[in-house]
Every structure is written in C-alpha cells, then in structure tokens.
Amino acid sequence: MPTRSCPRHGRGHPCTCAMGNVYRFIEPVLLLMLTEKGRSYGYDLSESLADYALTDAQIERAALYRTLRTLEENGYVISSWDVENSGPARRVYSVTKSGQVHLREWAEIMDRLGNAMKAFAAKAGPGRRGKNQ
C-alpha cells in the first residue's frame, strides 16, 4: 500500500485510502450489521460503519443509502417507516432470509479473496526480490 502522506492516517502509514473506496464491499458489511442488530436506522448504521469497515477508506453516507436501496430492490433487505417515536419518521431496515443467504455467499467469496490476498502478500511482501534486482 502506498506510504505517502494520508490525510486521515498521517505520513508513512500504509492505508487503503489511496486505493479509493471499495464500494462493493459495503454490501456484505451492511448485511452483517443488520443480521447482528436485527433492525436499524440508516443513521445508526452509518455511525457504526467504521467498526465493520473492510478498508481504511471512509464510506460516505450517500454510498450507504444507495447500497441499502439496492439491497432492498434485490430483496435482501426490507424497510418500513418508524412513526411511533417523537420527531420525524425514520426508515428502519432489516435483513431478509434471502439477504442472509446472500451474506453467506459473500462470506464464501471473501474467504477465497482473503486466501488469494494472503498468497499475493506472501509473493510480493517484504524480503521478496524480483528478477530485476
């Protein structure tokens, strides 16, 4: 990972910020969060997102809400309006059975990806020399 100066992590810290946001990985994170929480509001999810993030890159709230809408359109999440509490109505989200299956699919994909990343890191990591060195 680049070790140049990172606005969030300072100089010399290897972080994923320079790689850009990996928006596709918001999906499994949200599914896991909703599975663990049961039901949750978008704002509550956004406040807890850093605890579940897979990269150092900050996930924007707009991306979170877009992903929740996509998950709902695909039948992995359902939402309803909570009008019982004082204040404005808030949308509350929960994961469906189909969403739980999709989360397990993500877990399999990420397990394979994790193994591939470990193999890559072993080949390219510290102490490795290329043919041209």
C-alpha atoms as a PDB file:
ATOM      1  CA  MET A   1       0.000   0.000   0.000  1.00  0.00           C
ATOM      2  CA  PRO A   2       1.214   3.476  -0.673  1.00  0.00           C
ATOM      3  CA  THR A   3       3.095   5.058   2.199  1.00  0.00           C
ATOM      4  CA  ARG A   4       2.768   8.662   1.077  1.00  0.00           C
ATOM      5  CA  SER A   5       1.025  11.178   3.280  1.00  0.00           C
ATOM      6  CA  CYS A   6      -2.572  10.243   4.019  1.00  0.00           C
ATOM      7  CA  PRO A   7      -4.953  12.991   5.221  1.00  0.00           C
ATOM      8  CA  ARG A   8      -6.674  10.560   7.610  1.00  0.00           C
ATOM      9  CA  HIS A   9      -3.728   8.488   8.822  1.00  0.00           C
ATOM     10  CA  GLY A  10      -0.692  10.730   8.515  1.00  0.00           C
ATOM     11  CA  ARG A  11       2.656  10.348   6.781  1.00  0.00           C
ATOM     12  CA  GLY A  12       4.094   6.900   6.191  1.00  0.00           C
ATOM     13  CA  HIS A  13       1.047   4.902   7.250  1.00  0.00           C
ATOM     14  CA  PRO A  14       0.211   2.118   4.778  1.00  0.00           C
ATOM     15  CA  CYS A  15      -3.512   2.503   4.254  1.00  0.00           C
ATOM     16  CA  THR A  16      -6.108   1.716   1.634  1.00  0.00           C
ATOM     17  CA  CYS A  17      -7.251   5.335   1.257  1.00  0.00           C
ATOM     18  CA  ALA A  18      -5.043   5.823  -1.802  1.00  0.00           C
ATOM     19  CA  MET A  19      -6.716   2.819  -3.433  1.00  0.00           C
ATOM     20  CA  GLY A  20     -10.080   4.574  -3.401  1.00  0.00           C
ATOM     21  CA  ASN A  21     -13.278   3.350  -1.829  1.00  0.00           C
ATOM     22  CA  VAL A  22     -14.202  -0.245  -2.440  1.00  0.00           C
ATOM     23  CA  TYR A  23     -17.941   0.441  -2.614  1.00  0.00           C
ATOM     24  CA  ARG A  24     -18.926  -3.107  -3.463  1.00  0.00           C
ATOM     25  CA  PHE A  25     -17.779  -4.224  -0.009  1.00  0.00           C
ATOM     26  CA  ILE A  26     -20.375  -2.016   1.661  1.00  0.00           C
ATOM     27  CA  GLU A  27     -22.981  -4.631   0.776  1.00  0.00           C
ATOM     28  CA  PRO A  28     -21.688  -7.518   2.918  1.00  0.00           C
ATOM     29  CA  VAL A  29     -20.849  -5.121   5.744  1.00  0.00           C
ATOM     30  CA  LEU A  30     -24.433  -3.792   5.834  1.00  0.00           C
ATOM     31  CA  LEU A  31     -25.872  -7.304   5.648  1.00  0.00           C
ATOM     32  CA  LEU A  32     -23.707  -8.402   8.580  1.00  0.00           C
ATOM     33  CA  MET A  33     -24.585  -5.304  10.606  1.00  0.00           C
ATOM     34  CA  LEU A  34     -28.306  -5.808  10.046  1.00  0.00           C
ATOM     35  CA  THR A  35     -28.027  -9.514  10.843  1.00  0.00           C
ATOM     36  CA  GLU A  36     -26.353  -8.685  14.149  1.00  0.00           C
ATOM     37  CA  LYS A  37     -28.569  -5.718  15.040  1.00  0.00           C
ATOM     38  CA  GLY A  38     -31.860  -7.167  13.833  1.00  0.00           C
ATOM     39  CA  ARG A  39     -33.310  -3.802  12.787  1.00  0.00           C
ATOM     40  CA  SER A  40     -31.619  -0.480  12.399  1.00  0.00           C
ATOM     41  CA  TYR A  41     -31.924   3.035  11.041  1.00  0.00           C
ATOM     42  CA  GLY A  42     -29.656   4.321   8.294  1.00  0.00           C
ATOM     43  CA  TYR A  43     -28.131   6.896  10.633  1.00  0.00           C
ATOM     44  CA  ASP A  44     -27.359   4.229  13.256  1.00  0.00           C
ATOM     45  CA  LEU A  45     -25.741   2.068  10.578  1.00  0.00           C
ATOM     46  CA  SER A  46     -23.620   4.971   9.361  1.00  0.00           C
ATOM     47  CA  GLU A  47     -22.436   5.691  12.922  1.00  0.00           C
ATOM     48  CA  SER A  48     -21.318   2.039  13.384  1.00  0.00           C
ATOM     49  CA  LEU A  49     -19.868   1.552   9.910  1.00  0.00           C
ATOM     50  CA  ALA A  50     -16.241   2.219  10.873  1.00  0.00           C
ATOM     51  CA  ASP A  51     -16.368  -0.700  13.327  1.00  0.00           C
ATOM     52  CA  TYR A  52     -17.153  -3.084  10.465  1.00  0.00           C
ATOM     53  CA  ALA A  53     -15.273  -1.498   7.551  1.00  0.00           C
ATOM     54  CA  LEU A  54     -13.001  -3.728   5.484  1.00  0.00           C
ATOM     55  CA  THR A  55     -10.660  -0.941   4.370  1.00  0.00           C
ATOM     56  CA  ASP A  56      -9.284   2.283   5.792  1.00  0.00           C
ATOM     57  CA  ALA A  57     -11.282   4.245   3.235  1.00  0.00           C
ATOM     58  CA  GLN A  58     -14.158   6.231   4.684  1.00  0.00           C
ATOM     59  CA  ILE A  59     -17.574   5.172   3.415  1.00  0.00           C
ATOM     60  CA  GLU A  60     -19.766   8.128   2.524  1.00  0.00           C
ATOM     61  CA  ARG A  61     -23.337   8.229   3.794  1.00  0.00           C
ATOM     62  CA  ALA A  62     -24.647   8.635   0.250  1.00  0.00           C
ATOM     63  CA  ALA A  63     -22.981   5.339  -0.723  1.00  0.00           C
ATOM     64  CA  LEU A  64     -24.501   3.670   2.336  1.00  0.00           C
ATOM     65  CA  TYR A  65     -28.022   4.782   1.429  1.00  0.00           C
ATOM     66  CA  ARG A  66     -27.553   3.856  -2.250  1.00  0.00           C
ATOM     67  CA  THR A  67     -26.424   0.395  -1.176  1.00  0.00           C
ATOM     68  CA  LEU A  68     -29.391   0.000   1.186  1.00  0.00           C
ATOM     69  CA  ARG A  69     -31.753   0.908  -1.676  1.00  0.00           C
ATOM     70  CA  THR A  70     -30.050  -1.614  -3.970  1.00  0.00           C
ATOM     71  CA  LEU A  71     -30.208  -4.319  -1.303  1.00  0.00           C
ATOM     72  CA  GLU A  72     -33.905  -3.586  -0.882  1.00  0.00           C
ATOM     73  CA  GLU A  73     -34.556  -3.642  -4.639  1.00  0.00           C
ATOM     74  CA  ASN A  74     -32.857  -7.062  -4.781  1.00  0.00           C
ATOM     75  CA  GLY A  75     -34.939  -8.427  -1.900  1.00  0.00           C
ATOM     76  CA  TYR A  76     -32.044  -8.757   0.577  1.00  0.00           C
ATOM     77  CA  VAL A  77     -33.297  -6.004   2.910  1.00  0.00           C
ATOM     78  CA  ILE A  78     -36.740  -4.667   3.760  1.00  0.00           C
ATOM     79  CA  SER A  79     -37.580  -1.315   5.235  1.00  0.00           C
ATOM     80  CA  SER A  80     -40.514   0.367   6.870  1.00  0.00           C
ATOM     81  CA  TRP A  81     -41.216   3.784   8.315  1.00  0.00           C
ATOM     82  CA  ASP A  82     -40.982   4.190  12.086  1.00  0.00           C
ATOM     83  CA  VAL A  83     -43.554   6.828  13.005  1.00  0.00           C
ATOM     84  CA  GLU A  84     -44.064   5.772  16.628  1.00  0.00           C
ATOM     85  CA  ASN A  85     -41.175   7.767  18.105  1.00  0.00           C
ATOM     86  CA  SER A  86     -41.302  11.522  18.530  1.00  0.00           C
ATOM     87  CA  GLY A  87     -39.712  13.522  15.767  1.00  0.00           C
ATOM     88  CA  PRO A  88     -39.717  12.886  12.041  1.00  0.00           C
ATOM     89  CA  ALA A  89     -40.450   9.444  10.638  1.00  0.00           C
ATOM     90  CA  ARG A  90     -37.350   7.322  10.105  1.00  0.00           C
ATOM     91  CA  ARG A  91     -36.802   4.371   7.811  1.00  0.00           C
ATOM     92  CA  VAL A  92     -35.835   1.210   9.680  1.00  0.00           C
ATOM     93  CA  TYR A  93     -34.077  -1.628   7.835  1.00  0.00           C
ATOM     94  CA  SER A  94     -33.855  -5.369   8.444  1.00  0.00           C
ATOM     95  CA  VAL A  95     -32.300  -8.239   6.539  1.00  0.00           C
ATOM     96  CA  THR A  96     -34.491 -10.857   4.835  1.00  0.00           C
ATOM     97  CA  LYS A  97     -33.927 -14.632   4.627  1.00  0.00           C
ATOM     98  CA  SER A  98     -32.708 -14.067   1.089  1.00  0.00           C
ATOM     99  CA  GLY A  99     -30.316 -11.447   2.468  1.00  0.00           C
ATOM    100  CA  GLN A 100     -28.951 -13.949   4.993  1.00  0.00           C
ATOM    101  CA  VAL A 101     -28.282 -16.390   2.145  1.00  0.00           C
ATOM    102  CA  HIS A 102     -26.606 -13.593   0.185  1.00  0.00           C
ATOM    103  CA  LEU A 103     -24.429 -12.770   3.223  1.00  0.00           C
ATOM    104  CA  ARG A 104     -23.251 -16.414   3.348  1.00  0.00           C
ATOM    105  CA  GLU A 105     -22.433 -16.190  -0.368  1.00  0.00           C
ATOM    106  CA  TRP A 106     -20.411 -13.058   0.356  1.00  0.00           C
ATOM    107  CA  ALA A 107     -18.601 -14.878   3.169  1.00  0.00           C
ATOM    108  CA  GLU A 108     -17.545 -17.621   0.732  1.00  0.00           C
ATOM    109  CA  ILE A 109     -16.371 -15.081  -1.841  1.00  0.00           C
ATOM    110  CA  MET A 110     -14.460 -13.106   0.762  1.00  0.00           C
ATOM    111  CA  ASP A 111     -12.848 -16.244   2.164  1.00  0.00           C
ATOM    112  CA  ARG A 112     -11.500 -17.093  -1.309  1.00  0.00           C
ATOM    113  CA  LEU A 113     -10.462 -13.484  -1.870  1.00  0.00           C
ATOM    114  CA  GLY A 114      -8.741 -13.403   1.528  1.00  0.00           C
ATOM    115  CA  ASN A 115      -6.746 -16.521   0.657  1.00  0.00           C
ATOM    116  CA  ALA A 116      -5.770 -15.012  -2.689  1.00  0.00           C
ATOM    117  CA  MET A 117      -4.675 -11.793  -0.955  1.00  0.00           C
ATOM    118  CA  LYS A 118      -2.560 -13.732   1.554  1.00  0.00           C
ATOM    119  CA  ALA A 119      -0.873 -15.596  -1.303  1.00  0.00           C
ATOM    120  CA  PHE A 120      -0.242 -12.315  -3.108  1.00  0.00           C
ATOM    121  CA  ALA A 121       1.185 -10.684   0.026  1.00  0.00           C
ATOM    122  CA  ALA A 122       3.498 -13.654   0.563  1.00  0.00           C
ATOM    123  CA  LYS A 123       4.809 -13.320  -3.001  1.00  0.00           C
ATOM    124  CA  ALA A 124       5.120  -9.536  -3.042  1.00  0.00           C
ATOM    125  CA  GLY A 125       5.780  -8.749   0.612  1.00  0.00           C
ATOM    126  CA  PRO A 126       8.919  -7.670   2.464  1.00  0.00           C
ATOM    127  CA  GLY A 127      12.021  -9.719   1.798  1.00  0.00           C
ATOM    128  CA  ARG A 128      10.912 -10.738  -1.690  1.00  0.00           C
ATOM    129  CA  ARG A 129      13.188  -9.826  -4.585  1.00  0.00           C
ATOM    130  CA  GLY A 130      12.150  -9.586  -8.182  1.00  0.00           C
ATOM    131  CA  LYS A 131      14.169 -10.947 -11.126  1.00  0.00           C
ATOM    132  CA  ASN A 132      15.469  -7.455 -11.995  1.00  0.00           C
ATOM    133  CA  GLN A 133      17.047  -6.840  -8.567  1.00  0.00           C
END
